[in-house]
């Protein structure tokens, strides 16, 4: 019962995250869905890892952008 609920919630959150990808904060839905699904399916861990790496790269780019903008002033 709990396993089925976890899978259903994981799929729902992942789909919401993908559908609303243009909205800020929707990546959190995708991450939450992947976390729930990775508990049951080892292949989902690879997707979770890729999503985490993409978020890390985008955060680094954003940090560099704001640092360069601050130094130009």
PDB file of N, CA and C in Angstrom:
ATOM      1  N   UNK A   1       0.827  -1.200   0.000  1.00  0.00           N
ATOM      2  CA  UNK A   1       0.000   0.000   0.000  1.00  0.00           C
ATOM      3  C   UNK A   1       0.865   1.256   0.000  1.00  0.00           C
ATOM      4  N   UNK A   2       1.829   1.296   0.922  1.00  0.00           N
ATOM      5  CA  UNK A   2       2.707   2.458   1.018  1.00  0.00           C
ATOM      6  C   UNK A   2       3.573   2.591  -0.228  1.00  0.00           C
ATOM      7  N   UNK A   3       3.999   1.459  -0.755  1.00  0.00           N
ATOM      8  CA  UNK A   3       4.828   1.471  -1.965  1.00  0.00           C
ATOM      9  C   UNK A   3       4.052   2.083  -3.128  1.00  0.00           C
ATOM     10  N   UNK A   4       2.813   1.660  -3.299  1.00  0.00           N
ATOM     11  CA  UNK A   4       1.984   2.186  -4.392  1.00  0.00           C
ATOM     12  C   UNK A   4       1.722   3.676  -4.225  1.00  0.00           C
ATOM     13  N   UNK A   5       1.499   4.111  -2.997  1.00  0.00           N
ATOM     14  CA  UNK A   5       1.279   5.530  -2.731  1.00  0.00           C
ATOM     15  C   UNK A   5       2.537   6.336  -3.049  1.00  0.00           C
ATOM     16  N   UNK A   6       3.695   5.802  -2.666  1.00  0.00           N
ATOM     17  CA  UNK A   6       4.963   6.485  -2.934  1.00  0.00           C
ATOM     18  C   UNK A   6       5.210   6.601  -4.434  1.00  0.00           C
ATOM     19  N   UNK A   7       4.916   5.546  -5.176  1.00  0.00           N
ATOM     20  CA  UNK A   7       5.104   5.579  -6.626  1.00  0.00           C
ATOM     21  C   UNK A   7       4.132   6.564  -7.271  1.00  0.00           C
ATOM     22  N   UNK A   8       2.878   6.538  -6.842  1.00  0.00           N
ATOM     23  CA  UNK A   8       1.878   7.448  -7.410  1.00  0.00           C
ATOM     24  C   UNK A   8       2.237   8.906  -7.128  1.00  0.00           C
ATOM     25  N   UNK A   9       2.638   9.201  -5.904  1.00  0.00           N
ATOM     26  CA  UNK A   9       3.020  10.579  -5.564  1.00  0.00           C
ATOM     27  C   UNK A   9       4.277  10.993  -6.322  1.00  0.00           C
ATOM     28  N   UNK A  10       5.226  10.081  -6.471  1.00  0.00           N
ATOM     29  CA  UNK A  10       6.447  10.374  -7.216  1.00  0.00           C
ATOM     30  C   UNK A  10       6.162  10.716  -8.663  1.00  0.00           C
ATOM     31  N   UNK A  11       5.320   9.922  -9.290  1.00  0.00           N
ATOM     32  CA  UNK A  11       4.960  10.174 -10.691  1.00  0.00           C
ATOM     33  C   UNK A  11       4.209  11.494 -10.809  1.00  0.00           C
ATOM     34  N   UNK A  12       3.268  11.733  -9.921  1.00  0.00           N
ATOM     35  CA  UNK A  12       2.494  12.976  -9.958  1.00  0.00           C
ATOM     36  C   UNK A  12       3.394  14.203  -9.797  1.00  0.00           C
ATOM     37  N   UNK A  13       4.282  14.167  -8.823  1.00  0.00           N
ATOM     38  CA  UNK A  13       5.176  15.309  -8.610  1.00  0.00           C
ATOM     39  C   UNK A  13       6.139  15.503  -9.772  1.00  0.00           C
ATOM     40  N   UNK A  14       6.657  14.418 -10.323  1.00  0.00           N
ATOM     41  CA  UNK A  14       7.571  14.528 -11.460  1.00  0.00           C
ATOM     42  C   UNK A  14       6.862  15.108 -12.679  1.00  0.00           C
ATOM     43  N   UNK A  15       5.640  14.679 -12.922  1.00  0.00           N
ATOM     44  CA  UNK A  15       4.876  15.204 -14.063  1.00  0.00           C
ATOM     45  C   UNK A  15       4.564  16.680 -13.858  1.00  0.00           C
ATOM     46  N   UNK A  16       4.182  17.060 -12.658  1.00  0.00           N
ATOM     47  CA  UNK A  16       3.917  18.479 -12.372  1.00  0.00           C
ATOM     48  C   UNK A  16       5.182  19.296 -12.597  1.00  0.00           C
ATOM     49  N   UNK A  17       6.318  18.784 -12.155  1.00  0.00           N
ATOM     50  CA  UNK A  17       7.590  19.486 -12.343  1.00  0.00           C
ATOM     51  C   UNK A  17       7.949  19.674 -13.803  1.00  0.00           C
ATOM     52  N   UNK A  18       7.674  18.672 -14.619  1.00  0.00           N
ATOM     53  CA  UNK A  18       7.985  18.769 -16.047  1.00  0.00           C
ATOM     54  C   UNK A  18       6.987  19.672 -16.759  1.00  0.00           C
ATOM     55  N   UNK A  19       5.708  19.538 -16.444  1.00  0.00           N
ATOM     56  CA  UNK A  19       4.675  20.335 -17.118  1.00  0.00           C
ATOM     57  C   UNK A  19       4.851  21.823 -16.818  1.00  0.00           C
ATOM     58  N   UNK A  20       5.134  22.156 -15.573  1.00  0.00           N
ATOM     59  CA  UNK A  20       5.278  23.555 -15.192  1.00  0.00           C
ATOM     60  C   UNK A  20       6.739  23.984 -15.159  1.00  0.00           C
ATOM     61  N   UNK A  21       7.550  23.457 -16.053  1.00  0.00           N
ATOM     62  CA  UNK A  21       8.986  23.734 -16.061  1.00  0.00           C
ATOM     63  C   UNK A  21       9.299  25.215 -16.266  1.00  0.00           C
ATOM     64  N   UNK A  22       8.379  25.970 -16.823  1.00  0.00           N
ATOM     65  CA  UNK A  22       8.657  27.380 -17.075  1.00  0.00           C
ATOM     66  C   UNK A  22       8.450  28.246 -15.830  1.00  0.00           C
ATOM     67  N   UNK A  23       7.818  27.700 -14.814  1.00  0.00           N
ATOM     68  CA  UNK A  23       7.561  28.462 -13.590  1.00  0.00           C
ATOM     69  C   UNK A  23       8.712  28.320 -12.607  1.00  0.00           C
ATOM     70  N   UNK A  24       9.047  29.386 -11.902  1.00  0.00           N
ATOM     71  CA  UNK A  24      10.102  29.271 -10.900  1.00  0.00           C
ATOM     72  C   UNK A  24       9.669  28.348  -9.764  1.00  0.00           C
ATOM     73  N   UNK A  25      10.576  27.538  -9.311  1.00  0.00           N
ATOM     74  CA  UNK A  25      10.293  26.642  -8.206  1.00  0.00           C
ATOM     75  C   UNK A  25       9.715  25.308  -8.617  1.00  0.00           C
ATOM     76  N   UNK A  26       9.388  25.145  -9.895  1.00  0.00           N
ATOM     77  CA  UNK A  26       8.800  23.877 -10.321  1.00  0.00           C
ATOM     78  C   UNK A  26       9.824  22.746 -10.305  1.00  0.00           C
ATOM     79  N   UNK A  27      11.105  23.100 -10.328  1.00  0.00           N
ATOM     80  CA  UNK A  27      12.147  22.079 -10.275  1.00  0.00           C
ATOM     81  C   UNK A  27      12.088  21.322  -8.950  1.00  0.00           C
ATOM     82  N   UNK A  28      11.562  21.968  -7.928  1.00  0.00           N
ATOM     83  CA  UNK A  28      11.440  21.296  -6.632  1.00  0.00           C
ATOM     84  C   UNK A  28      10.430  20.153  -6.703  1.00  0.00           C
ATOM     85  N   UNK A  29       9.376  20.328  -7.490  1.00  0.00           N
ATOM     86  CA  UNK A  29       8.411  19.245  -7.682  1.00  0.00           C
ATOM     87  C   UNK A  29       9.075  18.070  -8.396  1.00  0.00           C
ATOM     88  N   UNK A  30       9.867  18.385  -9.414  1.00  0.00           N
ATOM     89  CA  UNK A  30      10.562  17.338 -10.147  1.00  0.00           C
ATOM     90  C   UNK A  30      11.526  16.589  -9.242  1.00  0.00           C
ATOM     91  N   UNK A  31      12.289  17.327  -8.445  1.00  0.00           N
ATOM     92  CA  UNK A  31      13.226  16.684  -7.520  1.00  0.00           C
ATOM     93  C   UNK A  31      12.509  15.814  -6.499  1.00  0.00           C
ATOM     94  N   UNK A  32      11.427  16.316  -5.952  1.00  0.00           N
ATOM     95  CA  UNK A  32      10.670  15.535  -4.968  1.00  0.00           C
ATOM     96  C   UNK A  32      10.126  14.259  -5.601  1.00  0.00           C
ATOM     97  N   UNK A  33       9.626  14.361  -6.810  1.00  0.00           N
ATOM     98  CA  UNK A  33       9.128  13.183  -7.504  1.00  0.00           C
ATOM     99  C   UNK A  33      10.221  12.174  -7.778  1.00  0.00           C
ATOM    100  N   UNK A  34      11.388  12.660  -8.201  1.00  0.00           N
ATOM    101  CA  UNK A  34      12.500  11.755  -8.469  1.00  0.00           C
ATOM    102  C   UNK A  34      13.018  11.101  -7.195  1.00  0.00           C
ATOM    103  N   UNK A  35      13.012  11.839  -6.095  1.00  0.00           N
ATOM    104  CA  UNK A  35      13.438  11.260  -4.823  1.00  0.00           C
ATOM    105  C   UNK A  35      12.502  10.116  -4.425  1.00  0.00           C
ATOM    106  N   UNK A  36      11.202  10.347  -4.526  1.00  0.00           N
ATOM    107  CA  UNK A  36      10.243   9.297  -4.182  1.00  0.00           C
ATOM    108  C   UNK A  36      10.374   8.084  -5.106  1.00  0.00           C
ATOM    109  N   UNK A  37      10.552   8.341  -6.381  1.00  0.00           N
ATOM    110  CA  UNK A  37      10.676   7.236  -7.323  1.00  0.00           C
ATOM    111  C   UNK A  37      12.008   6.499  -7.174  1.00  0.00           C
ATOM    112  N   UNK A  38      13.060   7.213  -6.791  1.00  0.00           N
ATOM    113  CA  UNK A  38      14.368   6.564  -6.648  1.00  0.00           C
ATOM    114  C   UNK A  38      14.397   5.603  -5.466  1.00  0.00           C
ATOM    115  N   UNK A  39      13.459   5.750  -4.536  1.00  0.00           N
ATOM    116  CA  UNK A  39      13.372   4.793  -3.431  1.00  0.00           C
ATOM    117  C   UNK A  39      12.925   3.419  -3.914  1.00  0.00           C
ATOM    118  N   UNK A  40      12.168   3.388  -4.986  1.00  0.00           N
ATOM    119  CA  UNK A  40      11.621   2.132  -5.502  1.00  0.00           C
ATOM    120  C   UNK A  40      12.334   1.632  -6.751  1.00  0.00           C
ATOM    121  N   UNK A  41      12.829   2.552  -7.574  1.00  0.00           N
ATOM    122  CA  UNK A  41      13.433   2.182  -8.853  1.00  0.00           C
ATOM    123  C   UNK A  41      14.868   2.712  -8.928  1.00  0.00           C
ATOM    124  N   UNK A  42      15.845   1.818  -8.942  1.00  0.00           N
ATOM    125  CA  UNK A  42      17.252   2.255  -8.996  1.00  0.00           C
ATOM    126  C   UNK A  42      17.585   3.100 -10.228  1.00  0.00           C
ATOM    127  N   UNK A  43      16.887   2.882 -11.340  1.00  0.00           N
ATOM    128  CA  UNK A  43      17.178   3.665 -12.543  1.00  0.00           C
ATOM    129  C   UNK A  43      16.804   5.136 -12.365  1.00  0.00           C
ATOM    130  N   UNK A  44      15.876   5.417 -11.493  1.00  0.00           N
ATOM    131  CA  UNK A  44      15.480   6.805 -11.240  1.00  0.00           C
ATOM    132  C   UNK A  44      16.578   7.571 -10.518  1.00  0.00           C
ATOM    133  N   UNK A  45      17.454   6.869  -9.844  1.00  0.00           N
ATOM    134  CA  UNK A  45      18.581   7.533  -9.169  1.00  0.00           C
ATOM    135  C   UNK A  45      19.474   8.234 -10.176  1.00  0.00           C
ATOM    136  N   UNK A  46      19.589   7.635 -11.354  1.00  0.00           N
ATOM    137  CA  UNK A  46      20.389   8.255 -12.413  1.00  0.00           C
ATOM    138  C   UNK A  46      19.748   9.572 -12.857  1.00  0.00           C
ATOM    139  N   UNK A  47      18.431   9.586 -12.989  1.00  0.00           N
ATOM    140  CA  UNK A  47      17.718  10.812 -13.342  1.00  0.00           C
ATOM    141  C   UNK A  47      17.831  11.861 -12.249  1.00  0.00           C
ATOM    142  N   UNK A  48      17.764  11.420 -11.008  1.00  0.00           N
ATOM    143  CA  UNK A  48      17.921  12.329  -9.873  1.00  0.00           C
ATOM    144  C   UNK A  48      19.319  12.929  -9.866  1.00  0.00           C
ATOM    145  N   UNK A  49      20.306  12.088 -10.124  1.00  0.00           N
ATOM    146  CA  UNK A  49      21.697  12.556 -10.153  1.00  0.00           C
ATOM    147  C   UNK A  49      21.883  13.590 -11.267  1.00  0.00           C
ATOM    148  N   UNK A  50      21.325  13.329 -12.439  1.00  0.00           N
ATOM    149  CA  UNK A  50      21.426  14.273 -13.556  1.00  0.00           C
ATOM    150  C   UNK A  50      20.753  15.597 -13.246  1.00  0.00           C
ATOM    151  N   UNK A  51      19.616  15.547 -12.593  1.00  0.00           N
ATOM    152  CA  UNK A  51      18.893  16.757 -12.220  1.00  0.00           C
ATOM    153  C   UNK A  51      19.690  17.565 -11.190  1.00  0.00           C
ATOM    154  N   UNK A  52      20.291  16.871 -10.242  1.00  0.00           N
ATOM    155  CA  UNK A  52      21.100  17.556  -9.239  1.00  0.00           C
ATOM    156  C   UNK A  52      22.321  18.215  -9.873  1.00  0.00           C
ATOM    157  N   UNK A  53      22.947  17.537 -10.816  1.00  0.00           N
ATOM    158  CA  UNK A  53      24.113  18.108 -11.509  1.00  0.00           C
ATOM    159  C   UNK A  53      23.717  19.337 -12.321  1.00  0.00           C
ATOM    160  N   UNK A  54      22.571  19.267 -12.987  1.00  0.00           N
ATOM    161  CA  UNK A  54      22.095  20.407 -13.775  1.00  0.00           C
ATOM    162  C   UNK A  54      21.810  21.600 -12.872  1.00  0.00           C
ATOM    163  N   UNK A  55      21.220  21.345 -11.704  1.00  0.00           N
ATOM    164  CA  UNK A  55      20.953  22.435 -10.766  1.00  0.00           C
ATOM    165  C   UNK A  55      22.261  23.032 -10.238  1.00  0.00           C
ATOM    166  N   UNK A  56      23.246  22.184  -9.996  1.00  0.00           N
ATOM    167  CA  UNK A  56      24.532  22.661  -9.511  1.00  0.00           C
ATOM    168  C   UNK A  56      25.212  23.547 -10.555  1.00  0.00           C
ATOM    169  N   UNK A  57      25.188  23.117 -11.815  1.00  0.00           N
ATOM    170  CA  UNK A  57      25.786  23.922 -12.885  1.00  0.00           C
ATOM    171  C   UNK A  57      25.069  25.259 -13.042  1.00  0.00           C
ATOM    172  N   UNK A  58      23.750  25.251 -12.990  1.00  0.00           N
ATOM    173  CA  UNK A  58      23.006  26.499 -13.153  1.00  0.00           C
ATOM    174  C   UNK A  58      23.246  27.433 -11.968  1.00  0.00           C
ATOM    175  N   UNK A  59      23.390  26.899 -10.773  1.00  0.00           N
ATOM    176  CA  UNK A  59      23.685  27.740  -9.606  1.00  0.00           C
ATOM    177  C   UNK A  59      25.070  28.355  -9.724  1.00  0.00           C
ATOM    178  N   UNK A  60      26.034  27.601 -10.230  1.00  0.00           N
ATOM    179  CA  UNK A  60      27.377  28.143 -10.418  1.00  0.00           C
ATOM    180  C   UNK A  60      27.374  29.257 -11.460  1.00  0.00           C
ATOM    181  N   UNK A  61      26.644  29.067 -12.548  1.00  0.00           N
ATOM    182  CA  UNK A  61      26.555  30.104 -13.584  1.00  0.00           C
ATOM    183  C   UNK A  61      25.890  31.360 -13.038  1.00  0.00           C
ATOM    184  N   UNK A  62      24.853  31.183 -12.257  1.00  0.00           N
ATOM    185  CA  UNK A  62      24.154  32.317 -11.672  1.00  0.00           C
ATOM    186  C   UNK A  62      25.063  33.066 -10.688  1.00  0.00           C
ATOM    187  N   UNK A  63      25.821  32.328  -9.893  1.00  0.00           N
ATOM    188  CA  UNK A  63      26.769  32.954  -8.968  1.00  0.00           C
ATOM    189  C   UNK A  63      27.815  33.772  -9.715  1.00  0.00           C
ATOM    190  N   UNK A  64      28.358  33.198 -10.803  1.00  0.00           N
ATOM    191  CA  UNK A  64      29.356  33.932 -11.600  1.00  0.00           C
ATOM    192  C   UNK A  64      28.752  35.190 -12.213  1.00  0.00           C
ATOM    193  N   UNK A  65      27.522  35.083 -12.706  1.00  0.00           N
ATOM    194  CA  UNK A  65      26.851  36.233 -13.307  1.00  0.00           C
ATOM    195  C   UNK A  65      26.699  37.363 -12.293  1.00  0.00           C
ATOM    196  N   UNK A  66      26.211  37.039 -11.096  1.00  0.00           N
ATOM    197  CA  UNK A  66      26.011  38.073 -10.083  1.00  0.00           C
ATOM    198  C   UNK A  66      27.335  38.627  -9.575  1.00  0.00           C
ATOM    199  N   UNK A  67      28.363  37.793  -9.478  1.00  0.00           N
ATOM    200  CA  UNK A  67      29.669  38.270  -9.050  1.00  0.00           C
ATOM    201  C   UNK A  67      30.253  39.227 -10.091  1.00  0.00           C
ATOM    202  N   UNK A  68      30.186  38.859 -11.362  1.00  0.00           N
ATOM    203  CA  UNK A  68      30.691  39.743 -12.423  1.00  0.00           C
ATOM    204  C   UNK A  68      29.903  41.051 -12.473  1.00  0.00           C
ATOM    205  N   UNK A  69      28.616  40.974 -12.268  1.00  0.00           N
ATOM    206  CA  UNK A  69      27.784  42.178 -12.275  1.00  0.00           C
ATOM    207  C   UNK A  69      28.147  43.096 -11.110  1.00  0.00           C
ATOM    208  N   UNK A  70      28.412  42.509  -9.953  1.00  0.00           N
ATOM    209  CA  UNK A  70      28.794  43.301  -8.784  1.00  0.00           C
ATOM    210  C   UNK A  70      30.169  43.932  -8.963  1.00  0.00           C
ATOM    211  N   UNK A  71      31.103  43.204  -9.583  1.00  0.00           N
ATOM    212  CA  UNK A  71      32.460  43.726  -9.764  1.00  0.00           C
ATOM    213  C   UNK A  71      32.521  44.828 -10.813  1.00  0.00           C
ATOM    214  N   UNK A  72      31.586  44.838 -11.761  1.00  0.00           N
ATOM    215  CA  UNK A  72      31.574  45.878 -12.791  1.00  0.00           C
ATOM    216  C   UNK A  72      31.154  47.234 -12.251  1.00  0.00           C
ATOM    217  N   UNK A  73      30.446  47.271 -11.170  1.00  0.00           N
ATOM    218  CA  UNK A  73      29.936  48.542 -10.635  1.00  0.00           C
ATOM    219  C   UNK A  73      31.002  49.342 -10.001  1.00  0.00           C
TER     220      UNK A  73
END
